[in-house]
Amino acid sequence: MTAVQNTQVLFVKRPEGSIVPQEVFRLTRSPRPTPAAGQVLVRSLYLSLDPAMRGWMNNTRSYIAPVELGAVMRGSVVAEVVESRADTFKPGDIVVGVIGWQQYAALDAQQLTLLPVPRGMSIPAAFHLLSITGMTAYFGLLDVGRPKAGETVVVSGAAGATGSITAQIAKLHGCRVVGIAGGAEKCRHLTEELGLDAAVDYRSPTFHKDLARATPSYINVFFDNVGGDVLDAVLGRLAKGARIVLCGAISQYNTRKVQGPRNYMTLISQTARMEGFVVFDYEKQYPQAMKELVRWQQEGKIKLSLHIVDGLEQAPDALLMLFNGKNKGKLLVKIAEPSSHAHL
């Protein structure tokens, strides 16, 4: 009998500046692994593509070790259990974990978490809302930003995966929400479909004037996914006691020399606070966040936008979409359909 093959995407070269997929990644095939005692064999369904992946490629000190050269590229995946040699999972369970860019993986049971797929919600939608993206939006805004009803909240990268959920959470907490995005189409999506109070196009030559017009009472909370010039523009519009949440800086990930903030003196004059965070620090609090996110989504207060690319072999090129603004919403790679035995 021919062995079942496992397609994998390996990380083979650290990029200098922008990612060149054919240099950085290599597609390979090998026999499907067999789980050892205490392990679980999973079949990948959807791979999450995230801006943080660019940082994992750098051989620098960070909140997580860099991806080793020659290893399967790191990535969060929702998968179906095929075979279990652990008491905690059974075939057909839908799980999430750092499974990587591959069709199959044999992992220790403690590396996986059961994904509760709410009734009426698809697997990719549940993966988007209830895994790292949703957790990042929830804890970054509510624990670090701490918005109050009536305050002005600005979100950069607001049409993206994390930004779109963040902006909607701010709205349901009674805030005036302004989204920053690239292009008129994304800005219309933010106001007409997600219900934001205003949207500003950072590509527009009148961006600074537009931002001032959209924030007449200045900015109380800024959730930043972009950094660079966008961060500097917002620093000039801070209200007294403003909180800046540093979630990411996608404008800087492919640069050799990172642009630091220039307008930081407003942090002093407006007694403001700028704070970074890592969502994994909140892991023990995920269950409570999941309950609230599901409730809000089922009440129609959070709309989910998915951008799905078909086929694992498309992942290297699809990753670039995050850095050139081609995606709208959560970017996922579909690897396989769940089986008829999946527990949904």
C-alpha atoms as a PDB file:
ATOM      1  CA  MET A   1       0.000   0.000   0.000  1.00  0.00           C
ATOM      2  CA  THR A   2       1.325   3.457  -0.922  1.00  0.00           C
ATOM      3  CA  ALA A   3       2.043   5.605   2.115  1.00  0.00           C
ATOM      4  CA  VAL A   4      -0.093   8.723   2.564  1.00  0.00           C
ATOM      5  CA  GLN A   5       2.044  11.752   1.732  1.00  0.00           C
ATOM      6  CA  ASN A   6       2.375  14.870   3.852  1.00  0.00           C
ATOM      7  CA  THR A   7       2.906  18.151   1.996  1.00  0.00           C
ATOM      8  CA  GLN A   8       4.944  20.664   3.997  1.00  0.00           C
ATOM      9  CA  VAL A   9       6.280  24.171   3.449  1.00  0.00           C
ATOM     10  CA  LEU A  10       9.787  24.566   4.860  1.00  0.00           C
ATOM     11  CA  PHE A  11      11.457  27.816   5.904  1.00  0.00           C
ATOM     12  CA  VAL A  12      14.864  27.772   4.197  1.00  0.00           C
ATOM     13  CA  LYS A  13      16.220  31.343   4.089  1.00  0.00           C
ATOM     14  CA  ARG A  14      15.896  34.352   6.372  1.00  0.00           C
ATOM     15  CA  PRO A  15      14.651  37.308   4.325  1.00  0.00           C
ATOM     16  CA  GLU A  16      16.447  40.628   4.308  1.00  0.00           C
ATOM     17  CA  GLY A  17      13.729  43.190   3.830  1.00  0.00           C
ATOM     18  CA  SER A  18      10.734  42.002   1.821  1.00  0.00           C
ATOM     19  CA  ILE A  19       9.894  38.302   1.540  1.00  0.00           C
ATOM     20  CA  VAL A  20      10.738  36.611  -1.765  1.00  0.00           C
ATOM     21  CA  PRO A  21       8.621  33.434  -1.528  1.00  0.00           C
ATOM     22  CA  GLN A  22      10.669  31.275  -3.906  1.00  0.00           C
ATOM     23  CA  GLU A  23      13.817  32.027  -1.883  1.00  0.00           C
ATOM     24  CA  VAL A  24      12.375  31.857   1.628  1.00  0.00           C
ATOM     25  CA  PHE A  25      10.163  28.763   1.334  1.00  0.00           C
ATOM     26  CA  ARG A  26      10.426  25.294  -0.178  1.00  0.00           C
ATOM     27  CA  LEU A  27       7.588  22.840  -0.792  1.00  0.00           C
ATOM     28  CA  THR A  28       8.361  19.237   0.140  1.00  0.00           C
ATOM     29  CA  ARG A  29       6.564  15.917   0.550  1.00  0.00           C
ATOM     30  CA  SER A  30       7.251  13.067   2.956  1.00  0.00           C
ATOM     31  CA  PRO A  31       5.299  10.130   4.434  1.00  0.00           C
ATOM     32  CA  ARG A  32       2.543  11.054   6.858  1.00  0.00           C
ATOM     33  CA  PRO A  33       3.796  10.805  10.471  1.00  0.00           C
ATOM     34  CA  THR A  34       2.613   8.187  12.958  1.00  0.00           C
ATOM     35  CA  PRO A  35       1.631   9.367  16.454  1.00  0.00           C
ATOM     36  CA  ALA A  36       3.529   8.017  19.451  1.00  0.00           C
ATOM     37  CA  ALA A  37       1.965   7.315  22.844  1.00  0.00           C
ATOM     38  CA  GLY A  38       0.401  10.502  24.197  1.00  0.00           C
ATOM     39  CA  GLN A  39       0.322  12.073  20.752  1.00  0.00           C
ATOM     40  CA  VAL A  40      -2.416  13.008  18.304  1.00  0.00           C
ATOM     41  CA  LEU A  41      -2.333  12.817  14.502  1.00  0.00           C
ATOM     42  CA  VAL A  42      -4.148  15.773  12.954  1.00  0.00           C
ATOM     43  CA  ARG A  43      -5.116  16.749   9.426  1.00  0.00           C
ATOM     44  CA  SER A  44      -4.898  20.481   8.776  1.00  0.00           C
ATOM     45  CA  LEU A  45      -8.042  22.254   7.576  1.00  0.00           C
ATOM     46  CA  TYR A  46      -7.196  25.973   7.603  1.00  0.00           C
ATOM     47  CA  LEU A  47      -3.913  27.807   8.112  1.00  0.00           C
ATOM     48  CA  SER A  48      -3.930  31.314   9.567  1.00  0.00           C
ATOM     49  CA  LEU A  49      -1.614  33.798   7.840  1.00  0.00           C
ATOM     50  CA  ASP A  50      -0.528  36.527  10.240  1.00  0.00           C
ATOM     51  CA  PRO A  51       1.809  39.556  10.109  1.00  0.00           C
ATOM     52  CA  ALA A  52       3.691  38.166  13.118  1.00  0.00           C
ATOM     53  CA  MET A  53       5.115  35.469  10.835  1.00  0.00           C
ATOM     54  CA  ARG A  54       7.501  38.034   9.375  1.00  0.00           C
ATOM     55  CA  GLY A  55       8.976  38.646  12.819  1.00  0.00           C
ATOM     56  CA  TRP A  56       9.371  34.914  13.473  1.00  0.00           C
ATOM     57  CA  MET A  57      11.704  34.735  10.470  1.00  0.00           C
ATOM     58  CA  ASN A  58      14.246  37.099  12.021  1.00  0.00           C
ATOM     59  CA  ASN A  59      17.091  35.688  14.078  1.00  0.00           C
ATOM     60  CA  THR A  60      16.516  38.158  16.909  1.00  0.00           C
ATOM     61  CA  ARG A  61      15.332  38.081  20.515  1.00  0.00           C
ATOM     62  CA  SER A  62      11.552  38.256  20.772  1.00  0.00           C
ATOM     63  CA  TYR A  63       8.618  36.833  22.725  1.00  0.00           C
ATOM     64  CA  ILE A  64       9.101  33.551  20.845  1.00  0.00           C
ATOM     65  CA  ALA A  65      12.166  31.857  19.346  1.00  0.00           C
ATOM     66  CA  PRO A  66      12.739  32.379  15.609  1.00  0.00           C
ATOM     67  CA  VAL A  67      11.787  29.643  13.175  1.00  0.00           C
ATOM     68  CA  GLU A  68      14.778  27.393  12.543  1.00  0.00           C
ATOM     69  CA  LEU A  69      16.104  27.131   9.002  1.00  0.00           C
ATOM     70  CA  GLY A  70      14.936  23.907   7.385  1.00  0.00           C
ATOM     71  CA  ALA A  71      11.955  23.578   9.734  1.00  0.00           C
ATOM     72  CA  VAL A  72       8.287  23.550   8.790  1.00  0.00           C
ATOM     73  CA  MET A  73       7.141  27.166   8.750  1.00  0.00           C
ATOM     74  CA  ARG A  74       5.374  28.062  11.982  1.00  0.00           C
ATOM     75  CA  GLY A  75       1.669  28.854  11.877  1.00  0.00           C
ATOM     76  CA  SER A  76      -1.594  28.523  13.747  1.00  0.00           C
ATOM     77  CA  VAL A  77      -3.892  25.903  12.232  1.00  0.00           C
ATOM     78  CA  VAL A  78      -7.360  24.511  12.814  1.00  0.00           C
ATOM     79  CA  ALA A  79      -7.288  20.760  12.215  1.00  0.00           C
ATOM     80  CA  GLU A  80      -9.261  17.549  12.571  1.00  0.00           C
ATOM     81  CA  VAL A  81      -8.040  14.684  14.730  1.00  0.00           C
ATOM     82  CA  VAL A  82      -7.376  11.604  12.569  1.00  0.00           C
ATOM     83  CA  GLU A  83      -5.908   9.297  15.212  1.00  0.00           C
ATOM     84  CA  SER A  84      -5.444   9.771  18.933  1.00  0.00           C
ATOM     85  CA  ARG A  85      -3.128   8.013  21.338  1.00  0.00           C
ATOM     86  CA  ALA A  86      -4.088  10.396  24.132  1.00  0.00           C
ATOM     87  CA  ASP A  87      -7.121  10.366  26.417  1.00  0.00           C
ATOM     88  CA  THR A  88      -7.925  14.039  25.833  1.00  0.00           C
ATOM     89  CA  PHE A  89      -8.906  13.825  22.145  1.00  0.00           C
ATOM     90  CA  LYS A  90     -10.756  11.461  19.838  1.00  0.00           C
ATOM     91  CA  PRO A  91     -10.974  11.149  16.045  1.00  0.00           C
ATOM     92  CA  GLY A  92     -13.199  13.823  14.554  1.00  0.00           C
ATOM     93  CA  ASP A  93     -12.406  16.470  17.176  1.00  0.00           C
ATOM     94  CA  ILE A  94     -11.712  19.943  15.778  1.00  0.00           C
ATOM     95  CA  VAL A  95      -8.596  21.407  17.386  1.00  0.00           C
ATOM     96  CA  VAL A  96      -6.289  24.405  17.076  1.00  0.00           C
ATOM     97  CA  GLY A  97      -2.576  24.647  17.668  1.00  0.00           C
ATOM     98  CA  VAL A  98       0.744  25.788  16.265  1.00  0.00           C
ATOM     99  CA  ILE A  99       0.713  22.953  13.759  1.00  0.00           C
ATOM    100  CA  GLY A 100       2.640  24.730  11.016  1.00  0.00           C
ATOM    101  CA  TRP A 101       2.409  24.882   7.253  1.00  0.00           C
ATOM    102  CA  GLN A 102       1.721  21.203   6.610  1.00  0.00           C
ATOM    103  CA  GLN A 103      -1.098  18.795   5.814  1.00  0.00           C
ATOM    104  CA  TYR A 104      -0.520  16.415   8.737  1.00  0.00           C
ATOM    105  CA  ALA A 105       1.268  16.550  12.073  1.00  0.00           C
ATOM    106  CA  ALA A 106       1.767  14.239  15.049  1.00  0.00           C
ATOM    107  CA  LEU A 107       1.817  16.384  18.174  1.00  0.00           C
ATOM    108  CA  ASP A 108       1.768  15.940  21.928  1.00  0.00           C
ATOM    109  CA  ALA A 109      -1.807  16.307  23.156  1.00  0.00           C
ATOM    110  CA  GLN A 110      -0.958  19.319  25.330  1.00  0.00           C
ATOM    111  CA  GLN A 111       0.025  21.266  22.199  1.00  0.00           C
ATOM    112  CA  LEU A 112      -3.580  21.234  20.992  1.00  0.00           C
ATOM    113  CA  THR A 113      -6.789  22.890  22.174  1.00  0.00           C
ATOM    114  CA  LEU A 114     -10.337  21.866  21.343  1.00  0.00           C
ATOM    115  CA  LEU A 115     -12.056  24.518  19.203  1.00  0.00           C
ATOM    116  CA  PRO A 116     -15.683  25.006  20.243  1.00  0.00           C
ATOM    117  CA  VAL A 117     -17.496  25.663  16.951  1.00  0.00           C
ATOM    118  CA  PRO A 118     -20.743  27.445  17.901  1.00  0.00           C
ATOM    119  CA  ARG A 119     -23.972  26.337  16.254  1.00  0.00           C
ATOM    120  CA  GLY A 120     -24.468  28.121  12.953  1.00  0.00           C
ATOM    121  CA  MET A 121     -20.837  29.219  12.665  1.00  0.00           C
ATOM    122  CA  SER A 122     -18.409  27.774  10.130  1.00  0.00           C
ATOM    123  CA  ILE A 123     -15.049  26.318  11.133  1.00  0.00           C
ATOM    124  CA  PRO A 124     -13.027  29.155   9.536  1.00  0.00           C
ATOM    125  CA  ALA A 125     -15.242  31.776  11.184  1.00  0.00           C
ATOM    126  CA  ALA A 126     -14.853  30.125  14.597  1.00  0.00           C
ATOM    127  CA  PHE A 127     -11.096  29.857  14.008  1.00  0.00           C
ATOM    128  CA  HIS A 128     -10.974  33.586  13.224  1.00  0.00           C
ATOM    129  CA  LEU A 129     -13.051  34.709  16.187  1.00  0.00           C
ATOM    130  CA  LEU A 130     -11.997  32.273  18.912  1.00  0.00           C
ATOM    131  CA  SER A 131      -8.275  31.785  18.347  1.00  0.00           C
ATOM    132  CA  ILE A 132      -5.366  34.231  18.421  1.00  0.00           C
ATOM    133  CA  THR A 133      -6.962  36.968  16.301  1.00  0.00           C
ATOM    134  CA  GLY A 134     -10.054  37.348  18.448  1.00  0.00           C
ATOM    135  CA  MET A 135      -8.075  37.018  21.671  1.00  0.00           C
ATOM    136  CA  THR A 136      -5.639  39.723  20.525  1.00  0.00           C
ATOM    137  CA  ALA A 137      -8.444  42.153  19.755  1.00  0.00           C
ATOM    138  CA  TYR A 138     -10.287  41.403  22.990  1.00  0.00           C
ATOM    139  CA  PHE A 139      -7.434  41.669  25.483  1.00  0.00           C
ATOM    140  CA  GLY A 140      -5.472  44.343  23.660  1.00  0.00           C
ATOM    141  CA  LEU A 141      -8.411  46.713  23.583  1.00  0.00           C
ATOM    142  CA  LEU A 142     -10.188  45.910  26.836  1.00  0.00           C
ATOM    143  CA  ASP A 143      -7.244  45.191  29.150  1.00  0.00           C
ATOM    144  CA  VAL A 144      -4.551  47.470  27.716  1.00  0.00           C
ATOM    145  CA  GLY A 145      -6.644  50.193  26.059  1.00  0.00           C
ATOM    146  CA  ARG A 146      -9.493  50.190  28.608  1.00  0.00           C
ATOM    147  CA  PRO A 147     -11.971  52.268  26.577  1.00  0.00           C
ATOM    148  CA  LYS A 148     -14.851  54.071  28.239  1.00  0.00           C
ATOM    149  CA  ALA A 149     -18.235  54.830  26.720  1.00  0.00           C
ATOM    150  CA  GLY A 150     -18.178  58.129  24.843  1.00  0.00           C
ATOM    151  CA  GLU A 151     -14.438  58.067  24.195  1.00  0.00           C
ATOM    152  CA  THR A 152     -12.884  58.209  20.736  1.00  0.00           C
ATOM    153  CA  VAL A 153     -11.089  55.017  19.721  1.00  0.00           C
ATOM    154  CA  VAL A 154      -8.931  54.894  16.591  1.00  0.00           C
ATOM    155  CA  VAL A 155      -7.841  51.573  15.082  1.00  0.00           C
ATOM    156  CA  SER A 156      -5.168  51.283  12.393  1.00  0.00           C
ATOM    157  CA  GLY A 157      -5.290  48.332  10.029  1.00  0.00           C
ATOM    158  CA  ALA A 158      -9.002  48.443  10.785  1.00  0.00           C
ATOM    159  CA  ALA A 159     -10.040  46.397   7.740  1.00  0.00           C
ATOM    160  CA  GLY A 160      -7.686  43.572   8.678  1.00  0.00           C
ATOM    161  CA  ALA A 161      -8.265  40.522  10.840  1.00  0.00           C
ATOM    162  CA  THR A 162      -7.470  41.912  14.278  1.00  0.00           C
ATOM    163  CA  GLY A 163      -8.373  45.508  13.529  1.00  0.00           C
ATOM    164  CA  SER A 164     -11.883  44.745  12.309  1.00  0.00           C
ATOM    165  CA  ILE A 165     -12.783  42.826  15.470  1.00  0.00           C
ATOM    166  CA  THR A 166     -11.130  45.444  17.684  1.00  0.00           C
ATOM    167  CA  ALA A 167     -13.113  48.256  16.092  1.00  0.00           C
ATOM    168  CA  GLN A 168     -16.409  46.428  16.548  1.00  0.00           C
ATOM    169  CA  ILE A 169     -15.670  45.633  20.199  1.00  0.00           C
ATOM    170  CA  ALA A 170     -15.011  49.333  20.753  1.00  0.00           C
ATOM    171  CA  LYS A 171     -18.356  50.204  19.131  1.00  0.00           C
ATOM    172  CA  LEU A 172     -20.335  47.845  21.338  1.00  0.00           C
ATOM    173  CA  HIS A 173     -18.688  49.458  24.358  1.00  0.00           C
ATOM    174  CA  GLY A 174     -20.239  52.788  23.403  1.00  0.00           C
ATOM    175  CA  CYS A 175     -17.195  54.442  21.870  1.00  0.00           C
ATOM    176  CA  ARG A 176     -16.889  56.682  18.830  1.00  0.00           C
ATOM    177  CA  VAL A 177     -14.733  54.563  16.527  1.00  0.00           C
ATOM    178  CA  VAL A 178     -12.544  55.732  13.661  1.00  0.00           C
ATOM    179  CA  GLY A 179     -10.841  53.193  11.434  1.00  0.00           C
ATOM    180  CA  ILE A 180      -7.665  53.776   9.444  1.00  0.00           C
ATOM    181  CA  ALA A 181      -7.308  51.665   6.301  1.00  0.00           C
ATOM    182  CA  GLY A 182      -5.759  51.736   2.831  1.00  0.00           C
ATOM    183  CA  GLY A 183      -8.056  52.718  -0.014  1.00  0.00           C
ATOM    184  CA  ALA A 184     -11.597  53.974  -0.491  1.00  0.00           C
ATOM    185  CA  GLU A 185     -13.105  50.485  -0.778  1.00  0.00           C
ATOM    186  CA  LYS A 186     -11.813  49.386   2.615  1.00  0.00           C
ATOM    187  CA  CYS A 187     -12.929  52.653   4.183  1.00  0.00           C
ATOM    188  CA  ARG A 188     -16.446  52.165   2.808  1.00  0.00           C
ATOM    189  CA  HIS A 189     -16.437  48.622   4.207  1.00  0.00           C
ATOM    190  CA  LEU A 190     -15.629  49.985   7.655  1.00  0.00           C
ATOM    191  CA  THR A 191     -18.428  52.539   7.760  1.00  0.00           C
ATOM    192  CA  GLU A 192     -21.138  50.882   5.663  1.00  0.00           C
ATOM    193  CA  GLU A 193     -20.706  47.234   6.685  1.00  0.00           C
ATOM    194  CA  LEU A 194     -19.042  47.311  10.103  1.00  0.00           C
ATOM    195  CA  GLY A 195     -20.775  50.462  11.324  1.00  0.00           C
ATOM    196  CA  LEU A 196     -17.764  52.552  12.307  1.00  0.00           C
ATOM    197  CA  ASP A 197     -18.370  56.271  12.817  1.00  0.00           C
ATOM    198  CA  ALA A 198     -15.659  57.313  10.376  1.00  0.00           C
ATOM    199  CA  ALA A 199     -12.855  55.854   8.288  1.00  0.00           C
ATOM    200  CA  VAL A 200      -9.673  57.535   7.097  1.00  0.00           C
ATOM    201  CA  ASP A 201      -7.539  56.473   4.131  1.00  0.00           C
ATOM    202  CA  TYR A 202      -3.867  56.602   5.095  1.00  0.00           C
ATOM    203  CA  ARG A 203      -2.904  56.598   1.406  1.00  0.00           C
ATOM    204  CA  SER A 204      -4.751  59.849   0.763  1.00  0.00           C
ATOM    205  CA  PRO A 205      -2.640  63.024   0.355  1.00  0.00           C
ATOM    206  CA  THR A 206      -5.040  64.660   2.833  1.00  0.00           C
ATOM    207  CA  PHE A 207      -4.639  61.913   5.454  1.00  0.00           C
ATOM    208  CA  HIS A 208      -3.534  64.218   8.278  1.00  0.00           C
ATOM    209  CA  LYS A 209      -6.389  66.665   7.650  1.00  0.00           C
ATOM    210  CA  ASP A 210      -8.869  63.806   7.334  1.00  0.00           C
ATOM    211  CA  LEU A 211      -7.690  62.316  10.628  1.00  0.00           C
ATOM    212  CA  ALA A 212      -8.083  65.676  12.378  1.00  0.00           C
ATOM    213  CA  ARG A 213     -11.580  66.088  10.921  1.00  0.00           C
ATOM    214  CA  ALA A 214     -12.558  62.599  12.094  1.00  0.00           C
ATOM    215  CA  THR A 215     -11.271  63.188  15.646  1.00  0.00           C
ATOM    216  CA  PRO A 216     -12.544  66.642  16.675  1.00  0.00           C
ATOM    217  CA  SER A 217     -12.350  65.703  20.358  1.00  0.00           C
ATOM    218  CA  TYR A 218      -8.932  64.109  19.867  1.00  0.00           C
ATOM    219  CA  ILE A 219      -8.100  60.446  20.501  1.00  0.00           C
ATOM    220  CA  ASN A 220      -8.523  58.622  23.796  1.00  0.00           C
ATOM    221  CA  VAL A 221      -7.470  55.118  22.693  1.00  0.00           C
ATOM    222  CA  PHE A 222      -5.344  54.136  19.704  1.00  0.00           C
ATOM    223  CA  PHE A 223      -5.048  50.446  18.813  1.00  0.00           C
ATOM    224  CA  ASP A 224      -2.059  50.305  16.476  1.00  0.00           C
ATOM    225  CA  ASN A 225      -1.391  47.528  13.992  1.00  0.00           C
ATOM    226  CA  VAL A 226       0.668  49.606  11.562  1.00  0.00           C
ATOM    227  CA  GLY A 227       3.305  51.821  13.206  1.00  0.00           C
ATOM    228  CA  GLY A 228       5.518  54.214  11.233  1.00  0.00           C
ATOM    229  CA  ASP A 229       3.928  57.355   9.798  1.00  0.00           C
ATOM    230  CA  VAL A 230       0.434  56.330  10.910  1.00  0.00           C
ATOM    231  CA  LEU A 231       1.544  56.097  14.533  1.00  0.00           C
ATOM    232  CA  ASP A 232       3.218  59.502  14.281  1.00  0.00           C
ATOM    233  CA  ALA A 233       0.074  61.060  12.834  1.00  0.00           C
ATOM    234  CA  VAL A 234      -2.017  59.748  15.720  1.00  0.00           C
ATOM    235  CA  LEU A 235       0.528  60.866  18.307  1.00  0.00           C
ATOM    236  CA  GLY A 236      -0.223  64.421  17.208  1.00  0.00           C
ATOM    237  CA  ARG A 237      -3.937  63.962  17.998  1.00  0.00           C
ATOM    238  CA  LEU A 238      -3.847  62.518  21.517  1.00  0.00           C
ATOM    239  CA  ALA A 239      -6.337  63.543  24.175  1.00  0.00           C
ATOM    240  CA  LYS A 240      -5.346  63.994  27.798  1.00  0.00           C
ATOM    241  CA  GLY A 241      -4.660  60.599  29.373  1.00  0.00           C
ATOM    242  CA  ALA A 242      -4.732  58.747  26.053  1.00  0.00           C
ATOM    243  CA  ARG A 243      -3.770  55.071  25.858  1.00  0.00           C
ATOM    244  CA  ILE A 244      -1.871  53.690  22.861  1.00  0.00           C
ATOM    245  CA  VAL A 245      -2.021  49.916  22.426  1.00  0.00           C
ATOM    246  CA  LEU A 246       0.946  48.586  20.460  1.00  0.00           C
ATOM    247  CA  CYS A 247      -0.325  45.413  18.815  1.00  0.00           C
ATOM    248  CA  GLY A 248       1.868  45.429  15.713  1.00  0.00           C
ATOM    249  CA  ALA A 249       3.735  47.549  13.188  1.00  0.00           C
ATOM    250  CA  ILE A 250       3.141  45.938   9.819  1.00  0.00           C
ATOM    251  CA  SER A 251       4.548  48.937   7.952  1.00  0.00           C
ATOM    252  CA  GLN A 252       7.949  48.210   9.487  1.00  0.00           C
ATOM    253  CA  TYR A 253       8.247  44.415   9.276  1.00  0.00           C
ATOM    254  CA  ASN A 254       9.950  44.363   5.872  1.00  0.00           C
ATOM    255  CA  THR A 255      12.277  47.318   6.464  1.00  0.00           C
ATOM    256  CA  ARG A 256      15.944  47.008   7.317  1.00  0.00           C
ATOM    257  CA  LYS A 257      15.795  50.083   9.565  1.00  0.00           C
ATOM    258  CA  VAL A 258      12.695  50.420  11.723  1.00  0.00           C
ATOM    259  CA  GLN A 259      11.187  53.906  11.914  1.00  0.00           C
ATOM    260  CA  GLY A 260      10.646  54.918  15.508  1.00  0.00           C
ATOM    261  CA  PRO A 261       8.082  57.481  16.698  1.00  0.00           C
ATOM    262  CA  ARG A 262       8.962  61.148  16.196  1.00  0.00           C
ATOM    263  CA  ASN A 263       5.966  62.802  17.875  1.00  0.00           C
ATOM    264  CA  TYR A 264       6.496  61.038  21.182  1.00  0.00           C
ATOM    265  CA  MET A 265       6.707  64.299  23.179  1.00  0.00           C
ATOM    266  CA  THR A 266       2.904  64.363  23.183  1.00  0.00           C
ATOM    267  CA  LEU A 267       3.069  61.372  25.514  1.00  0.00           C
ATOM    268  CA  ILE A 268       4.469  63.804  28.071  1.00  0.00           C
ATOM    269  CA  SER A 269       2.322  66.845  27.326  1.00  0.00           C
ATOM    270  CA  GLN A 270      -0.897  64.807  27.301  1.00  0.00           C
ATOM    271  CA  THR A 271       0.144  62.447  30.122  1.00  0.00           C
ATOM    272  CA  ALA A 272      -0.495  59.576  27.733  1.00  0.00           C
ATOM    273  CA  ARG A 273       0.597  55.941  27.883  1.00  0.00           C
ATOM    274  CA  MET A 274       1.998  53.731  25.118  1.00  0.00           C
ATOM    275  CA  GLU A 275       2.116  50.012  25.931  1.00  0.00           C
ATOM    276  CA  GLY A 276       2.884  46.813  24.079  1.00  0.00           C
ATOM    277  CA  PHE A 277       1.406  43.411  24.854  1.00  0.00           C
ATOM    278  CA  VAL A 278       1.642  39.745  23.861  1.00  0.00           C
ATOM    279  CA  VAL A 279      -1.665  37.887  23.737  1.00  0.00           C
ATOM    280  CA  PHE A 280      -0.171  34.593  24.964  1.00  0.00           C
ATOM    281  CA  ASP A 281       0.176  36.203  28.411  1.00  0.00           C
ATOM    282  CA  TYR A 282      -3.631  36.048  28.693  1.00  0.00           C
ATOM    283  CA  GLU A 283      -3.960  32.350  27.890  1.00  0.00           C
ATOM    284  CA  LYS A 284      -5.659  31.427  31.168  1.00  0.00           C
ATOM    285  CA  GLN A 285      -8.352  34.030  30.482  1.00  0.00           C
ATOM    286  CA  TYR A 286      -9.214  32.829  26.959  1.00  0.00           C
ATOM    287  CA  PRO A 287     -12.377  30.882  27.977  1.00  0.00           C
ATOM    288  CA  GLN A 288     -14.121  33.971  29.349  1.00  0.00           C
ATOM    289  CA  ALA A 289     -13.168  35.989  26.278  1.00  0.00           C
ATOM    290  CA  MET A 290     -14.521  33.245  24.019  1.00  0.00           C
ATOM    291  CA  LYS A 291     -17.896  33.299  25.775  1.00  0.00           C
ATOM    292  CA  GLU A 292     -18.261  37.037  25.297  1.00  0.00           C
ATOM    293  CA  LEU A 293     -17.074  37.016  21.686  1.00  0.00           C
ATOM    294  CA  VAL A 294     -19.531  34.256  20.763  1.00  0.00           C
ATOM    295  CA  ARG A 295     -22.385  36.092  22.479  1.00  0.00           C
ATOM    296  CA  TRP A 296     -21.583  39.347  20.678  1.00  0.00           C
ATOM    297  CA  GLN A 297     -21.322  37.587  17.338  1.00  0.00           C
ATOM    298  CA  GLN A 298     -24.615  35.746  17.818  1.00  0.00           C
ATOM    299  CA  GLU A 299     -26.289  39.028  18.795  1.00  0.00           C
ATOM    300  CA  GLY A 300     -25.127  40.507  15.492  1.00  0.00           C
ATOM    301  CA  LYS A 301     -22.707  42.942  17.129  1.00  0.00           C
ATOM    302  CA  ILE A 302     -19.594  41.469  15.508  1.00  0.00           C
ATOM    303  CA  LYS A 303     -19.428  40.750  11.788  1.00  0.00           C
ATOM    304  CA  LEU A 304     -16.671  38.506  10.500  1.00  0.00           C
ATOM    305  CA  SER A 305     -14.873  39.025   7.209  1.00  0.00           C
ATOM    306  CA  LEU A 306     -12.851  36.122   5.784  1.00  0.00           C
ATOM    307  CA  HIS A 307     -10.414  36.087   2.870  1.00  0.00           C
ATOM    308  CA  ILE A 308      -9.713  32.453   1.998  1.00  0.00           C
ATOM    309  CA  VAL A 309      -7.040  31.225  -0.417  1.00  0.00           C
ATOM    310  CA  ASP A 310      -7.314  27.627  -1.613  1.00  0.00           C
ATOM    311  CA  GLY A 311      -4.356  25.230  -1.345  1.00  0.00           C
ATOM    312  CA  LEU A 312      -1.323  24.931   0.943  1.00  0.00           C
ATOM    313  CA  GLU A 313       1.003  25.479  -2.009  1.00  0.00           C
ATOM    314  CA  GLN A 314      -0.466  28.999  -2.335  1.00  0.00           C
ATOM    315  CA  ALA A 315       0.519  29.992   1.219  1.00  0.00           C
ATOM    316  CA  PRO A 316       3.955  31.533   0.413  1.00  0.00           C
ATOM    317  CA  ASP A 317       2.530  33.928  -2.176  1.00  0.00           C
ATOM    318  CA  ALA A 318      -0.630  34.562  -0.161  1.00  0.00           C
ATOM    319  CA  LEU A 319       1.446  35.719   2.821  1.00  0.00           C
ATOM    320  CA  LEU A 320       2.528  38.756   0.807  1.00  0.00           C
ATOM    321  CA  MET A 321      -1.081  39.948   0.681  1.00  0.00           C
ATOM    322  CA  LEU A 322      -0.772  41.000   4.317  1.00  0.00           C
ATOM    323  CA  PHE A 323       2.022  43.426   3.477  1.00  0.00           C
ATOM    324  CA  ASN A 324       0.630  44.940   0.288  1.00  0.00           C
ATOM    325  CA  GLY A 325      -2.912  45.404   1.593  1.00  0.00           C
ATOM    326  CA  LYS A 326      -4.565  42.965  -0.797  1.00  0.00           C
ATOM    327  CA  ASN A 327      -6.600  41.113   1.843  1.00  0.00           C
ATOM    328  CA  LYS A 328      -9.796  42.306   3.509  1.00  0.00           C
ATOM    329  CA  GLY A 329     -10.488  40.578   6.797  1.00  0.00           C
ATOM    330  CA  LYS A 330      -8.922  37.408   8.127  1.00  0.00           C
ATOM    331  CA  LEU A 331      -6.524  35.758   5.664  1.00  0.00           C
ATOM    332  CA  LEU A 332      -6.726  31.960   5.737  1.00  0.00           C
ATOM    333  CA  VAL A 333      -5.385  29.182   3.549  1.00  0.00           C
ATOM    334  CA  LYS A 334      -7.794  26.310   3.036  1.00  0.00           C
ATOM    335  CA  ILE A 335      -5.891  23.020   3.155  1.00  0.00           C
ATOM    336  CA  ALA A 336      -8.722  20.478   3.387  1.00  0.00           C
ATOM    337  CA  GLU A 337     -12.416  20.012   4.108  1.00  0.00           C
ATOM    338  CA  PRO A 338     -13.451  18.364   7.386  1.00  0.00           C
ATOM    339  CA  SER A 339     -14.421  14.717   7.059  1.00  0.00           C
ATOM    340  CA  SER A 340     -17.946  13.412   7.462  1.00  0.00           C
ATOM    341  CA  HIS A 341     -16.873  12.188  10.926  1.00  0.00           C
ATOM    342  CA  ALA A 342     -15.908  15.641  12.210  1.00  0.00           C
ATOM    343  CA  HIS A 343     -17.565  16.671  15.469  1.00  0.00           C
ATOM    344  CA  LEU A 344     -19.305  19.923  14.575  1.00  0.00           C
END
